[in-house]
Amino acid sequence: MKKKLLICITLVAVSSGDILRADIAMDVAERMTHCKSLANLAYLAAKKVKTGRKLTEIKKELSSVSKAASTTTNGGMYSDLFLSDYTELLQDTYSIKPKYAKEYALEYRSNCIGK
């Protein structure tokens, strides 16, 4: 009896894990949308870095835009991932201090799509 219960629990856990992974995996179109939205934020962040703002100021100034983008991009299905990628993007942008915002955003989008 214990073996059957263990097998049932294992099967449920494995099938639940597959369902969760399926929810997390983006298809190609969703990935493109995700990366384009992040690239737009990369452009804005690079422009603000170029003007000499501090990271905390940039976060504050772009917070409403990033929150809106996270809920509207792909219907908000990946909003946690979006915000996580955005936080990483801001830190990278601030540390790199790109000279040309447009080129930086295009390069970011290209790298993001290739992940």
Protein backbone atom coordinates (compact mmCIF):
# COMPACT_ATOMS: atom_id res chain seq x y z
CA MET A 1 0.00 0.00 0.00
CA LYS A 2 2.84 2.41 0.86
CA LYS A 3 4.51 1.75 -2.50
CA LYS A 4 1.32 2.62 -4.39
CA LEU A 5 0.92 5.84 -2.41
CA LEU A 6 4.54 6.78 -3.05
CA ILE A 7 4.17 6.09 -6.77
CA CYS A 8 0.99 8.19 -6.93
CA ILE A 9 2.64 11.08 -5.11
CA THR A 10 5.67 10.85 -7.40
CA LEU A 11 3.51 10.83 -10.54
CA VAL A 12 1.53 13.84 -9.35
CA ALA A 13 4.73 15.75 -8.53
CA VAL A 14 6.30 14.94 -11.90
CA SER A 15 3.20 15.89 -13.87
CA SER A 16 2.78 19.10 -11.85
CA GLY A 17 6.40 19.99 -12.55
CA ASP A 18 5.83 19.54 -16.29
CA ILE A 19 2.80 21.82 -16.13
CA LEU A 20 4.74 24.49 -14.26
CA ARG A 21 7.61 24.32 -16.76
CA ALA A 22 5.14 24.63 -19.64
CA ASP A 23 3.74 27.81 -18.08
CA ILE A 24 7.21 29.30 -17.68
CA ALA A 25 8.49 28.48 -21.18
CA MET A 26 7.83 31.27 -23.67
CA ASP A 27 7.15 30.60 -27.29
CA VAL A 28 9.06 32.53 -29.98
CA ALA A 29 6.47 35.30 -30.40
CA GLU A 30 6.22 35.84 -26.65
CA ARG A 31 10.00 35.98 -26.36
CA MET A 32 10.17 38.58 -29.14
CA THR A 33 7.57 40.74 -27.40
CA HIS A 34 9.33 40.32 -24.05
CA CYS A 35 12.68 41.34 -25.52
CA LYS A 36 11.29 44.28 -27.50
CA SER A 37 9.68 45.73 -24.39
CA LEU A 38 12.88 45.29 -22.41
CA ALA A 39 14.88 46.87 -25.25
CA ASN A 40 12.62 49.93 -25.10
CA LEU A 41 13.37 50.19 -21.38
CA ALA A 42 17.08 49.67 -22.13
CA TYR A 43 16.92 52.68 -24.44
CA LEU A 44 15.27 54.85 -21.78
CA ALA A 45 17.69 53.68 -19.10
CA ALA A 46 20.70 54.35 -21.33
CA LYS A 47 19.44 57.87 -22.05
CA LYS A 48 19.08 58.53 -18.33
CA VAL A 49 22.51 57.07 -17.53
CA LYS A 50 23.99 59.32 -20.18
CA THR A 51 22.61 62.40 -18.39
CA GLY A 52 24.49 61.39 -15.23
CA ARG A 53 21.60 60.17 -13.09
CA LYS A 54 22.25 57.71 -10.28
CA LEU A 55 20.84 54.18 -10.38
CA THR A 56 18.28 54.90 -7.64
CA GLU A 57 17.01 57.94 -9.56
CA ILE A 58 16.68 55.93 -12.75
CA LYS A 59 14.76 53.17 -10.95
CA LYS A 60 12.40 55.71 -9.46
CA GLU A 61 11.86 57.58 -12.74
CA LEU A 62 11.18 54.42 -14.74
CA SER A 63 9.23 52.51 -12.09
CA SER A 64 5.76 53.31 -13.43
CA VAL A 65 6.82 52.56 -17.00
CA SER A 66 8.42 49.24 -16.04
CA LYS A 67 5.43 48.16 -13.96
CA ALA A 68 3.05 49.01 -16.79
CA ALA A 69 5.24 47.18 -19.29
CA SER A 70 5.41 44.09 -17.06
CA THR A 71 1.62 43.84 -16.86
CA THR A 72 0.89 44.60 -20.52
CA THR A 73 3.69 42.64 -22.19
CA ASN A 74 2.31 39.21 -23.10
CA GLY A 75 -0.77 39.94 -21.01
CA GLY A 76 1.32 39.96 -17.83
CA MET A 77 1.85 36.17 -17.96
CA TYR A 78 5.56 36.58 -17.32
CA SER A 79 5.50 39.74 -15.22
CA ASP A 80 7.81 38.33 -12.52
CA LEU A 81 10.36 37.27 -15.12
CA PHE A 82 10.00 40.63 -16.87
CA LEU A 83 10.68 42.57 -13.67
CA SER A 84 13.62 40.33 -12.85
CA ASP A 85 15.10 40.84 -16.32
CA TYR A 86 14.42 44.57 -16.03
CA THR A 87 16.27 44.81 -12.70
CA GLU A 88 19.25 43.01 -14.23
CA LEU A 89 19.04 45.26 -17.29
CA LEU A 90 19.14 48.41 -15.16
CA GLN A 91 22.18 47.23 -13.23
CA ASP A 92 23.99 46.24 -16.42
CA THR A 93 23.11 49.51 -18.12
CA TYR A 94 24.34 51.53 -15.17
CA SER A 95 27.61 49.60 -14.94
CA ILE A 96 28.30 49.73 -18.70
CA LYS A 97 27.24 53.36 -19.16
CA PRO A 98 26.61 52.99 -22.91
CA LYS A 99 27.52 55.93 -25.12
CA TYR A 100 24.77 55.38 -27.70
CA ALA A 101 21.33 54.50 -26.33
CA LYS A 102 19.76 53.32 -29.59
CA GLU A 103 22.61 50.96 -30.48
CA TYR A 104 22.66 49.66 -26.92
CA ALA A 105 18.92 48.91 -27.02
CA LEU A 106 19.19 47.14 -30.39
CA GLU A 107 22.11 45.06 -29.15
CA TYR A 108 20.21 44.22 -25.96
CA ARG A 109 17.19 43.07 -27.98
CA SER A 110 19.33 40.92 -30.23
CA ASN A 111 21.08 39.28 -27.26
CA CYS A 112 17.81 38.81 -25.40
CA ILE A 113 16.11 37.08 -28.33
CA GLY A 114 19.11 34.78 -28.71
CA LYS A 115 18.83 33.47 -25.13
